[in-house]
Amino acid sequence: MITLSPVSDSAALRKAFAAFPSGIAAVCAHVDGQPAGVAASSFTSVSLDPPLVSVCMQHTSTTWPILRKCNRLGLSVLAEGHDEACLQLASKDGDRFAGIEWDRSPHDSVFIGSSTAWFEVSLFDEVMAGDHVIALLEVHGMEIFTENAPLIFHHSKFHKLAPTQPKS
């Protein structure tokens, strides 16, 4: 018989959640003449019709209240080599975009250069969930860059995908 540990401490729960590898997305917009953005490891596809994706944002975020008011947002799926960009975008201090290659769309969506994919999105709905809000985002446009491998976050560290071995 299997016996599981009780969920009694947030540090242990965070460690257990880190057992699931994820990609990292940057959610960004051009606001008041400056880029604003955050990193999210909770990005996932939700629906094809309508085209929806989601990210989770902490209630304590000071950036999400600014971004959620924008008509459009840029969602960049970060690639290998974006380790420092991810850490900067997740930082609470300093210039989050210093040294990061970025550009914007005519809708003021901001995209990170050399990503694996870009999605131009707008806020579709929000669902309160514990200490986070699940932001459902409607996809209006996209670009895919298959030559760029994704940045992987697993056990609180950045990793690369191992190359696929051809079948013999």
Protein backbone atom coordinates (compact mmCIF):
# COMPACT_ATOMS: atom_id res chain seq x y z
CA MET A 1 0.00 0.00 0.00
CA ILE A 2 1.23 3.50 -0.85
CA THR A 3 1.28 6.15 1.84
CA LEU A 4 1.71 9.77 0.77
CA SER A 5 3.14 12.63 2.78
CA PRO A 6 0.59 15.15 4.01
CA VAL A 7 0.63 18.60 2.42
CA SER A 8 1.76 20.49 5.47
CA ASP A 9 4.50 22.78 4.29
CA SER A 10 4.69 25.07 1.27
CA ALA A 11 8.43 24.47 0.72
CA ALA A 12 7.86 20.71 0.34
CA LEU A 13 4.88 21.33 -1.94
CA ARG A 14 6.95 23.72 -4.09
CA LYS A 15 9.65 21.02 -4.35
CA ALA A 16 7.04 18.45 -5.43
CA PHE A 17 5.60 20.85 -8.05
CA ALA A 18 9.17 21.33 -9.37
CA ALA A 19 9.24 17.63 -10.30
CA PHE A 20 7.14 18.53 -13.36
CA PRO A 21 9.29 20.06 -16.13
CA SER A 22 7.86 23.11 -17.85
CA GLY A 23 8.72 25.70 -20.41
CA ILE A 24 8.87 29.38 -19.56
CA ALA A 25 6.81 32.10 -21.21
CA ALA A 26 7.35 35.85 -21.03
CA VAL A 27 4.13 37.89 -20.98
CA CYS A 28 4.91 41.47 -22.04
CA ALA A 29 3.50 44.73 -23.36
CA HIS A 30 4.65 48.26 -24.11
CA VAL A 31 3.13 50.46 -21.39
CA ASP A 32 3.67 54.20 -20.98
CA GLY A 33 6.66 54.18 -23.33
CA GLN A 34 8.42 51.26 -21.62
CA PRO A 35 8.34 47.47 -21.92
CA ALA A 36 6.70 45.68 -18.98
CA GLY A 37 6.65 41.94 -18.48
CA VAL A 38 6.83 38.85 -16.32
CA ALA A 39 8.07 35.27 -16.63
CA ALA A 40 5.57 32.43 -16.17
CA SER A 41 6.35 28.72 -15.91
CA SER A 42 2.63 27.94 -15.85
CA PHE A 43 1.96 28.55 -19.57
CA THR A 44 -0.25 25.93 -21.21
CA SER A 45 -2.59 25.50 -24.16
CA VAL A 46 -6.28 25.42 -23.25
CA SER A 47 -8.54 25.41 -26.32
CA LEU A 48 -8.46 25.39 -30.13
CA ASP A 49 -11.93 26.93 -30.54
CA PRO A 50 -11.71 29.63 -29.39
CA PRO A 51 -7.90 29.66 -29.41
CA LEU A 52 -6.95 30.01 -25.73
CA VAL A 53 -3.83 29.62 -23.61
CA SER A 54 -3.34 30.25 -19.91
CA VAL A 55 -0.77 31.50 -17.43
CA CYS A 56 -0.97 31.75 -13.65
CA MET A 57 -0.04 34.96 -11.88
CA GLN A 58 0.55 35.42 -8.15
CA HIS A 59 -1.84 37.76 -6.38
CA THR A 60 1.24 39.60 -5.08
CA SER A 61 2.43 40.45 -8.61
CA THR A 62 2.77 44.19 -9.15
CA THR A 63 3.18 43.74 -12.92
CA TRP A 64 0.09 41.65 -13.71
CA PRO A 65 -2.34 44.46 -12.69
CA ILE A 66 -0.58 46.68 -15.27
CA LEU A 67 -0.47 44.03 -18.03
CA ARG A 68 -4.07 42.87 -17.58
CA LYS A 69 -5.32 46.35 -18.60
CA CYS A 70 -3.55 46.19 -21.99
CA ASN A 71 -5.57 45.50 -25.14
CA ARG A 72 -2.94 43.06 -26.38
CA LEU A 73 -0.02 41.20 -24.82
CA GLY A 74 2.97 39.45 -26.32
CA LEU A 75 3.58 35.95 -25.05
CA SER A 76 7.05 34.63 -25.95
CA VAL A 77 7.97 30.98 -25.34
CA LEU A 78 11.55 31.35 -24.14
CA ALA A 79 14.37 29.37 -25.76
CA GLU A 80 17.69 27.87 -24.69
CA GLY A 81 19.99 30.72 -23.84
CA HIS A 82 17.22 32.81 -22.27
CA ASP A 83 18.22 31.79 -18.73
CA GLU A 84 19.30 35.33 -17.74
CA ALA A 85 16.32 36.93 -19.50
CA CYS A 86 14.01 34.64 -17.54
CA LEU A 87 15.66 35.57 -14.24
CA GLN A 88 15.46 39.27 -15.09
CA LEU A 89 11.78 39.06 -16.06
CA ALA A 90 11.07 37.24 -12.80
CA SER A 91 12.99 39.81 -10.75
CA LYS A 92 11.23 42.33 -8.57
CA ASP A 93 14.07 44.88 -8.86
CA GLY A 94 15.99 46.63 -11.62
CA ASP A 95 15.39 46.99 -15.35
CA ARG A 96 13.79 43.72 -16.40
CA PHE A 97 14.60 44.37 -20.07
CA ALA A 98 18.26 45.50 -19.78
CA GLY A 99 20.26 43.65 -22.43
CA ILE A 100 17.25 41.65 -23.63
CA GLU A 101 16.48 41.70 -27.37
CA TRP A 102 12.82 42.64 -27.80
CA ASP A 103 10.47 44.27 -30.29
CA ARG A 104 6.81 45.22 -30.32
CA SER A 105 3.82 44.81 -32.59
CA PRO A 106 1.55 47.61 -33.81
CA HIS A 107 -0.75 46.64 -30.88
CA ASP A 108 2.05 47.32 -28.33
CA SER A 109 2.57 43.61 -27.62
CA VAL A 110 6.23 43.03 -26.70
CA PHE A 111 8.07 39.92 -27.91
CA ILE A 112 11.43 38.51 -26.79
CA GLY A 113 13.87 37.85 -29.65
CA SER A 114 15.08 34.32 -30.44
CA SER A 115 12.09 32.66 -28.75
CA THR A 116 10.58 29.36 -29.89
CA ALA A 117 7.15 30.91 -30.48
CA TRP A 118 5.28 34.19 -30.20
CA PHE A 119 1.58 34.56 -29.47
CA GLU A 120 -0.28 37.87 -29.54
CA VAL A 121 -3.02 37.53 -26.97
CA SER A 122 -5.69 39.43 -25.07
CA LEU A 123 -7.25 38.75 -21.68
CA PHE A 124 -10.28 36.47 -22.18
CA ASP A 125 -11.11 35.71 -18.54
CA GLU A 126 -9.58 35.31 -15.10
CA VAL A 127 -10.25 32.59 -12.55
CA MET A 128 -9.23 33.09 -8.93
CA ALA A 129 -7.36 30.02 -7.66
CA GLY A 130 -5.77 30.11 -4.22
CA ASP A 131 -2.83 32.50 -4.13
CA HIS A 132 -2.85 32.88 -7.95
CA VAL A 133 -5.13 34.03 -10.71
CA ILE A 134 -5.43 31.87 -13.81
CA ALA A 135 -5.38 34.23 -16.79
CA LEU A 136 -7.10 32.79 -19.85
CA LEU A 137 -5.69 34.50 -22.93
CA GLU A 138 -7.22 34.52 -26.41
CA VAL A 139 -4.70 34.04 -29.22
CA HIS A 140 -4.97 36.54 -32.11
CA GLY A 141 -1.72 35.84 -33.96
CA MET A 142 1.39 33.65 -33.73
CA GLU A 143 4.81 32.88 -35.15
CA ILE A 144 6.76 29.65 -34.64
CA PHE A 145 10.56 29.37 -34.72
CA THR A 146 11.29 25.65 -35.00
CA GLU A 147 15.06 26.21 -35.17
CA ASN A 148 15.07 27.37 -31.52
CA ALA A 149 14.94 24.76 -28.75
CA PRO A 150 12.84 25.62 -25.68
CA LEU A 151 14.14 26.60 -22.27
CA ILE A 152 13.13 23.91 -19.77
CA PHE A 153 12.64 24.51 -16.04
CA HIS A 154 12.84 21.41 -13.84
CA HIS A 155 13.70 21.00 -10.14
CA SER A 156 14.20 24.79 -9.96
CA LYS A 157 16.98 24.76 -12.58
CA PHE A 158 17.20 25.48 -16.31
CA HIS A 159 17.79 22.52 -18.63
CA LYS A 160 18.14 21.71 -22.31
CA LEU A 161 16.23 19.05 -24.19
CA ALA A 162 18.37 16.06 -25.07
CA PRO A 163 18.64 15.49 -28.82
CA THR A 164 16.38 12.76 -30.14
CA GLN A 165 18.33 9.65 -31.11
CA PRO A 166 17.47 8.28 -34.56
CA LYS A 167 16.04 4.77 -34.60
CA SER A 168 18.47 2.21 -36.00
